[in-house]
């Protein structure tokens, strides 16, 4: 039985253990960034599929990316419009991002602020976490904490009764190319990449 209380889940995450909790899209598998390798191992995930850095507030994430003044302005405009929410921004990574988050291409990092009270409560206490959907790589995201507990018996899953909130669709992923946005995955948010999101 690996379902634990909110307090124990937060303590476990801070201690470097793998945890799972609901978000506004699909349930997350998460660990502190330095322990990201645990997620790749648990999911049997290919090293060329980077993880997402999730935090309670945008302010907690800007330290992990690097750009010039104009780029930050464009990034923040999009973040202000869609965060908290189901949008992941893939941006140039700063030295603060552990290489294990994106082993094949450590120059970029995906960042997101979830629109989920539970996730935000956890992330406020833990700081930014390396995250991905809770499922074996290549399989559909699991939708209940019980399913997650069965598939990942060693992961601390949040005690949660009933339907998990969340749309059941992964986040939309938009990558900054240096001049504009490129949509890598259409997901929970229908992103309108118009000319005003360019430099």
C-alpha atoms as a PDB file:
ATOM      1  CA  UNK A   1       0.000   0.000   0.000  1.00  0.00           C
ATOM      2  CA  UNK A   2       1.765   3.123  -1.155  1.00  0.00           C
ATOM      3  CA  UNK A   3      -1.060   5.662  -0.923  1.00  0.00           C
ATOM      4  CA  UNK A   4       0.025   8.345   1.521  1.00  0.00           C
ATOM      5  CA  UNK A   5      -1.259  11.594   3.005  1.00  0.00           C
ATOM      6  CA  UNK A   6      -0.398  14.970   1.498  1.00  0.00           C
ATOM      7  CA  UNK A   7       2.115  15.680   4.294  1.00  0.00           C
ATOM      8  CA  UNK A   8       3.896  12.342   3.800  1.00  0.00           C
ATOM      9  CA  UNK A   9       3.919  12.735   0.013  1.00  0.00           C
ATOM     10  CA  UNK A  10       5.557  16.179   0.307  1.00  0.00           C
ATOM     11  CA  UNK A  11       8.103  14.824   2.805  1.00  0.00           C
ATOM     12  CA  UNK A  12       8.853  11.889   0.501  1.00  0.00           C
ATOM     13  CA  UNK A  13       9.367  14.122  -2.520  1.00  0.00           C
ATOM     14  CA  UNK A  14      11.692  16.402  -0.567  1.00  0.00           C
ATOM     15  CA  UNK A  15      13.657  13.340   0.561  1.00  0.00           C
ATOM     16  CA  UNK A  16      14.236  12.359  -3.090  1.00  0.00           C
ATOM     17  CA  UNK A  17      11.564   9.672  -3.506  1.00  0.00           C
ATOM     18  CA  UNK A  18       9.304   9.174  -6.540  1.00  0.00           C
ATOM     19  CA  UNK A  19       5.782  10.522  -5.980  1.00  0.00           C
ATOM     20  CA  UNK A  20       2.539  10.736  -7.959  1.00  0.00           C
ATOM     21  CA  UNK A  21      -0.285  13.249  -7.664  1.00  0.00           C
ATOM     22  CA  UNK A  22      -3.169  14.662  -9.731  1.00  0.00           C
ATOM     23  CA  UNK A  23      -2.707  17.731 -11.963  1.00  0.00           C
ATOM     24  CA  UNK A  24      -5.036  19.674 -14.249  1.00  0.00           C
ATOM     25  CA  UNK A  25      -4.145  17.436 -17.230  1.00  0.00           C
ATOM     26  CA  UNK A  26      -3.112  13.864 -16.334  1.00  0.00           C
ATOM     27  CA  UNK A  27      -1.657  12.517 -13.046  1.00  0.00           C
ATOM     28  CA  UNK A  28       2.047  13.227 -12.665  1.00  0.00           C
ATOM     29  CA  UNK A  29       5.004  11.051 -11.781  1.00  0.00           C
ATOM     30  CA  UNK A  30       7.441  13.409 -10.065  1.00  0.00           C
ATOM     31  CA  UNK A  31      10.788  13.744  -8.286  1.00  0.00           C
ATOM     32  CA  UNK A  32      13.139  16.542  -7.320  1.00  0.00           C
ATOM     33  CA  UNK A  33      15.128  17.545 -10.443  1.00  0.00           C
ATOM     34  CA  UNK A  34      18.381  15.949  -9.220  1.00  0.00           C
ATOM     35  CA  UNK A  35      16.564  12.586  -8.931  1.00  0.00           C
ATOM     36  CA  UNK A  36      15.020  12.715 -12.430  1.00  0.00           C
ATOM     37  CA  UNK A  37      16.787   9.469 -13.367  1.00  0.00           C
ATOM     38  CA  UNK A  38      14.325   7.636 -11.081  1.00  0.00           C
ATOM     39  CA  UNK A  39      11.469   8.693 -13.385  1.00  0.00           C
ATOM     40  CA  UNK A  40      13.223   7.446 -16.540  1.00  0.00           C
ATOM     41  CA  UNK A  41      13.881   4.107 -14.820  1.00  0.00           C
ATOM     42  CA  UNK A  42      10.344   3.677 -13.434  1.00  0.00           C
ATOM     43  CA  UNK A  43       8.675   4.540 -16.745  1.00  0.00           C
ATOM     44  CA  UNK A  44      11.195   2.618 -18.880  1.00  0.00           C
ATOM     45  CA  UNK A  45      11.424   5.911 -20.736  1.00  0.00           C
ATOM     46  CA  UNK A  46      13.851   6.619 -23.547  1.00  0.00           C
ATOM     47  CA  UNK A  47      16.586   9.146 -22.651  1.00  0.00           C
ATOM     48  CA  UNK A  48      15.634  11.284 -25.654  1.00  0.00           C
ATOM     49  CA  UNK A  49      12.225  12.131 -24.125  1.00  0.00           C
ATOM     50  CA  UNK A  50      12.922  14.960 -21.675  1.00  0.00           C
ATOM     51  CA  UNK A  51      10.947  15.606 -18.504  1.00  0.00           C
ATOM     52  CA  UNK A  52       8.956  18.725 -17.617  1.00  0.00           C
ATOM     53  CA  UNK A  53       9.881  21.016 -14.749  1.00  0.00           C
ATOM     54  CA  UNK A  54       6.663  21.878 -12.915  1.00  0.00           C
ATOM     55  CA  UNK A  55       6.270  24.570 -10.265  1.00  0.00           C
ATOM     56  CA  UNK A  56       3.543  26.336  -8.303  1.00  0.00           C
ATOM     57  CA  UNK A  57       4.366  29.761  -9.772  1.00  0.00           C
ATOM     58  CA  UNK A  58       6.009  31.119 -12.918  1.00  0.00           C
ATOM     59  CA  UNK A  59       8.485  33.024 -10.720  1.00  0.00           C
ATOM     60  CA  UNK A  60       9.848  29.682  -9.502  1.00  0.00           C
ATOM     61  CA  UNK A  61      10.686  28.626 -13.078  1.00  0.00           C
ATOM     62  CA  UNK A  62      12.365  31.623 -14.738  1.00  0.00           C
ATOM     63  CA  UNK A  63      15.676  30.838 -12.961  1.00  0.00           C
ATOM     64  CA  UNK A  64      15.839  27.559 -14.898  1.00  0.00           C
ATOM     65  CA  UNK A  65      15.756  29.199 -18.337  1.00  0.00           C
ATOM     66  CA  UNK A  66      17.943  31.766 -20.053  1.00  0.00           C
ATOM     67  CA  UNK A  67      17.235  34.319 -22.735  1.00  0.00           C
ATOM     68  CA  UNK A  68      17.610  37.989 -23.525  1.00  0.00           C
ATOM     69  CA  UNK A  69      15.273  40.727 -22.319  1.00  0.00           C
ATOM     70  CA  UNK A  70      13.046  40.547 -25.405  1.00  0.00           C
ATOM     71  CA  UNK A  71      12.748  36.762 -25.177  1.00  0.00           C
ATOM     72  CA  UNK A  72      11.773  36.879 -21.511  1.00  0.00           C
ATOM     73  CA  UNK A  73       9.083  39.407 -22.418  1.00  0.00           C
ATOM     74  CA  UNK A  74       7.616  37.128 -25.124  1.00  0.00           C
ATOM     75  CA  UNK A  75       7.817  34.072 -22.858  1.00  0.00           C
ATOM     76  CA  UNK A  76       6.154  35.869 -19.959  1.00  0.00           C
ATOM     77  CA  UNK A  77       3.357  37.171 -22.182  1.00  0.00           C
ATOM     78  CA  UNK A  78       2.449  33.612 -23.197  1.00  0.00           C
ATOM     79  CA  UNK A  79       2.854  32.342 -19.617  1.00  0.00           C
ATOM     80  CA  UNK A  80       0.625  35.139 -18.274  1.00  0.00           C
ATOM     81  CA  UNK A  81      -2.040  34.184 -20.806  1.00  0.00           C
ATOM     82  CA  UNK A  82      -2.110  30.401 -20.226  1.00  0.00           C
ATOM     83  CA  UNK A  83      -0.640  29.742 -16.759  1.00  0.00           C
ATOM     84  CA  UNK A  84      -1.634  28.192 -14.554  1.00  0.00           C
ATOM     85  CA  UNK A  85      -2.802  25.714 -17.177  1.00  0.00           C
ATOM     86  CA  UNK A  86      -2.092  22.904 -19.605  1.00  0.00           C
ATOM     87  CA  UNK A  87       0.738  24.560 -21.541  1.00  0.00           C
ATOM     88  CA  UNK A  88       4.387  23.485 -21.427  1.00  0.00           C
ATOM     89  CA  UNK A  89       6.973  25.940 -22.769  1.00  0.00           C
ATOM     90  CA  UNK A  90      10.235  24.446 -24.047  1.00  0.00           C
ATOM     91  CA  UNK A  91      12.916  27.103 -23.553  1.00  0.00           C
ATOM     92  CA  UNK A  92      16.723  27.362 -23.444  1.00  0.00           C
ATOM     93  CA  UNK A  93      17.896  25.805 -20.162  1.00  0.00           C
ATOM     94  CA  UNK A  94      20.062  27.656 -17.641  1.00  0.00           C
ATOM     95  CA  UNK A  95      22.927  25.994 -15.745  1.00  0.00           C
ATOM     96  CA  UNK A  96      20.531  25.386 -12.858  1.00  0.00           C
ATOM     97  CA  UNK A  97      18.775  22.509 -14.697  1.00  0.00           C
ATOM     98  CA  UNK A  98      20.328  19.116 -13.842  1.00  0.00           C
ATOM     99  CA  UNK A  99      21.486  17.315 -16.995  1.00  0.00           C
ATOM    100  CA  UNK A 100      19.429  14.240 -15.966  1.00  0.00           C
ATOM    101  CA  UNK A 101      16.237  16.156 -16.771  1.00  0.00           C
ATOM    102  CA  UNK A 102      17.075  16.072 -20.491  1.00  0.00           C
ATOM    103  CA  UNK A 103      20.061  13.744 -20.959  1.00  0.00           C
ATOM    104  CA  UNK A 104      20.262  13.891 -24.774  1.00  0.00           C
ATOM    105  CA  UNK A 105      19.761  17.646 -25.185  1.00  0.00           C
ATOM    106  CA  UNK A 106      20.435  19.449 -21.875  1.00  0.00           C
ATOM    107  CA  UNK A 107      20.276  22.824 -23.663  1.00  0.00           C
ATOM    108  CA  UNK A 108      16.460  22.987 -23.384  1.00  0.00           C
ATOM    109  CA  UNK A 109      13.894  22.480 -20.626  1.00  0.00           C
ATOM    110  CA  UNK A 110      10.103  22.252 -20.652  1.00  0.00           C
ATOM    111  CA  UNK A 111       8.422  24.264 -17.891  1.00  0.00           C
ATOM    112  CA  UNK A 112       4.810  24.407 -16.677  1.00  0.00           C
ATOM    113  CA  UNK A 113       2.557  25.736 -13.902  1.00  0.00           C
ATOM    114  CA  UNK A 114      -0.455  23.436 -13.412  1.00  0.00           C
ATOM    115  CA  UNK A 115      -3.960  24.778 -12.768  1.00  0.00           C
ATOM    116  CA  UNK A 116      -4.549  22.334  -9.922  1.00  0.00           C
ATOM    117  CA  UNK A 117      -4.941  23.215  -6.244  1.00  0.00           C
ATOM    118  CA  UNK A 118      -3.517  19.852  -5.135  1.00  0.00           C
ATOM    119  CA  UNK A 119      -0.493  20.070  -7.427  1.00  0.00           C
ATOM    120  CA  UNK A 120       0.154  23.690  -6.445  1.00  0.00           C
ATOM    121  CA  UNK A 121      -0.044  22.845  -2.725  1.00  0.00           C
ATOM    122  CA  UNK A 122       2.558  20.111  -3.210  1.00  0.00           C
ATOM    123  CA  UNK A 123       4.838  22.194  -5.465  1.00  0.00           C
ATOM    124  CA  UNK A 124       4.733  25.168  -3.078  1.00  0.00           C
ATOM    125  CA  UNK A 125       6.221  22.896  -0.397  1.00  0.00           C
ATOM    126  CA  UNK A 126       8.685  20.945  -2.559  1.00  0.00           C
ATOM    127  CA  UNK A 127       9.858  23.581  -5.020  1.00  0.00           C
ATOM    128  CA  UNK A 128       9.965  22.760  -8.752  1.00  0.00           C
ATOM    129  CA  UNK A 129       9.745  19.034  -9.556  1.00  0.00           C
ATOM    130  CA  UNK A 130      10.760  16.963 -12.569  1.00  0.00           C
ATOM    131  CA  UNK A 131       7.485  15.524 -13.877  1.00  0.00           C
ATOM    132  CA  UNK A 132       5.876  13.442 -16.598  1.00  0.00           C
ATOM    133  CA  UNK A 133       2.637  11.521 -16.992  1.00  0.00           C
ATOM    134  CA  UNK A 134       2.201   8.497 -14.725  1.00  0.00           C
ATOM    135  CA  UNK A 135       2.380   5.514 -17.096  1.00  0.00           C
ATOM    136  CA  UNK A 136       4.867   3.196 -18.726  1.00  0.00           C
ATOM    137  CA  UNK A 137       6.455   4.881 -21.730  1.00  0.00           C
ATOM    138  CA  UNK A 138       4.360   4.540 -24.878  1.00  0.00           C
ATOM    139  CA  UNK A 139       1.187   3.602 -22.983  1.00  0.00           C
ATOM    140  CA  UNK A 140      -1.827   5.852 -22.316  1.00  0.00           C
ATOM    141  CA  UNK A 141      -1.643   8.031 -19.168  1.00  0.00           C
ATOM    142  CA  UNK A 142      -3.154   6.330 -16.122  1.00  0.00           C
ATOM    143  CA  UNK A 143      -6.242   8.125 -14.838  1.00  0.00           C
ATOM    144  CA  UNK A 144      -6.693   6.963 -11.222  1.00  0.00           C
ATOM    145  CA  UNK A 145      -4.386   6.825  -8.227  1.00  0.00           C
ATOM    146  CA  UNK A 146      -5.327   3.144  -7.775  1.00  0.00           C
ATOM    147  CA  UNK A 147      -4.118   2.309 -11.309  1.00  0.00           C
ATOM    148  CA  UNK A 148      -0.902   4.205 -10.618  1.00  0.00           C
ATOM    149  CA  UNK A 149      -0.421   2.366  -7.331  1.00  0.00           C
ATOM    150  CA  UNK A 150      -0.800  -1.008  -9.091  1.00  0.00           C
ATOM    151  CA  UNK A 151       1.594  -0.138 -11.943  1.00  0.00           C
ATOM    152  CA  UNK A 152       4.121   1.696  -9.741  1.00  0.00           C
ATOM    153  CA  UNK A 153       3.996  -0.047  -6.332  1.00  0.00           C
ATOM    154  CA  UNK A 154       7.149   1.710  -5.075  1.00  0.00           C
ATOM    155  CA  UNK A 155       5.918   5.222  -5.903  1.00  0.00           C
ATOM    156  CA  UNK A 156       4.281   7.292  -3.154  1.00  0.00           C
ATOM    157  CA  UNK A 157       0.805   8.059  -4.539  1.00  0.00           C
ATOM    158  CA  UNK A 158      -1.486  10.638  -2.992  1.00  0.00           C
ATOM    159  CA  UNK A 159      -4.465   9.256  -1.069  1.00  0.00           C
ATOM    160  CA  UNK A 160      -7.330  10.371  -3.238  1.00  0.00           C
ATOM    161  CA  UNK A 161     -10.949   9.300  -3.256  1.00  0.00           C
ATOM    162  CA  UNK A 162     -13.146   9.384  -6.342  1.00  0.00           C
ATOM    163  CA  UNK A 163     -12.538  10.831  -9.785  1.00  0.00           C
ATOM    164  CA  UNK A 164      -9.241  12.587 -10.271  1.00  0.00           C
ATOM    165  CA  UNK A 165      -9.710  16.146 -11.467  1.00  0.00           C
ATOM    166  CA  UNK A 166      -8.035  16.787 -14.788  1.00  0.00           C
ATOM    167  CA  UNK A 167      -8.978  16.695 -18.435  1.00  0.00           C
ATOM    168  CA  UNK A 168      -7.172  13.425 -19.102  1.00  0.00           C
ATOM    169  CA  UNK A 169      -5.219  15.014 -21.960  1.00  0.00           C
ATOM    170  CA  UNK A 170      -1.503  15.913 -21.675  1.00  0.00           C
ATOM    171  CA  UNK A 171      -0.388  19.534 -21.869  1.00  0.00           C
ATOM    172  CA  UNK A 172       0.163  21.363 -25.137  1.00  0.00           C
ATOM    173  CA  UNK A 173       3.903  21.751 -25.784  1.00  0.00           C
ATOM    174  CA  UNK A 174       5.326  24.847 -27.507  1.00  0.00           C
ATOM    175  CA  UNK A 175       9.042  25.254 -28.184  1.00  0.00           C
ATOM    176  CA  UNK A 176      10.815  28.576 -28.565  1.00  0.00           C
ATOM    177  CA  UNK A 177      12.940  28.525 -31.730  1.00  0.00           C
ATOM    178  CA  UNK A 178      14.767  31.774 -31.047  1.00  0.00           C
ATOM    179  CA  UNK A 179      12.364  33.830 -33.170  1.00  0.00           C
ATOM    180  CA  UNK A 180       8.937  32.265 -32.685  1.00  0.00           C
ATOM    181  CA  UNK A 181       6.985  29.311 -31.249  1.00  0.00           C
ATOM    182  CA  UNK A 182       6.813  25.844 -32.736  1.00  0.00           C
ATOM    183  CA  UNK A 183       4.033  23.563 -31.492  1.00  0.00           C
ATOM    184  CA  UNK A 184       5.475  20.138 -30.649  1.00  0.00           C
ATOM    185  CA  UNK A 185       2.226  18.691 -29.292  1.00  0.00           C
ATOM    186  CA  UNK A 186      -1.354  19.950 -29.357  1.00  0.00           C
ATOM    187  CA  UNK A 187      -2.867  18.960 -26.051  1.00  0.00           C
ATOM    188  CA  UNK A 188      -5.070  20.405 -23.325  1.00  0.00           C
ATOM    189  CA  UNK A 189      -4.836  23.989 -24.609  1.00  0.00           C
ATOM    190  CA  UNK A 190      -5.549  24.992 -28.200  1.00  0.00           C
ATOM    191  CA  UNK A 191      -2.695  27.358 -28.752  1.00  0.00           C
ATOM    192  CA  UNK A 192      -3.012  30.191 -31.221  1.00  0.00           C
ATOM    193  CA  UNK A 193       0.518  30.959 -32.367  1.00  0.00           C
ATOM    194  CA  UNK A 194      -0.048  34.327 -33.961  1.00  0.00           C
ATOM    195  CA  UNK A 195       2.462  36.912 -35.119  1.00  0.00           C
ATOM    196  CA  UNK A 196       2.324  38.768 -31.800  1.00  0.00           C
ATOM    197  CA  UNK A 197       4.227  35.896 -30.161  1.00  0.00           C
ATOM    198  CA  UNK A 198       7.345  36.574 -32.200  1.00  0.00           C
ATOM    199  CA  UNK A 199      10.386  38.774 -31.799  1.00  0.00           C
END
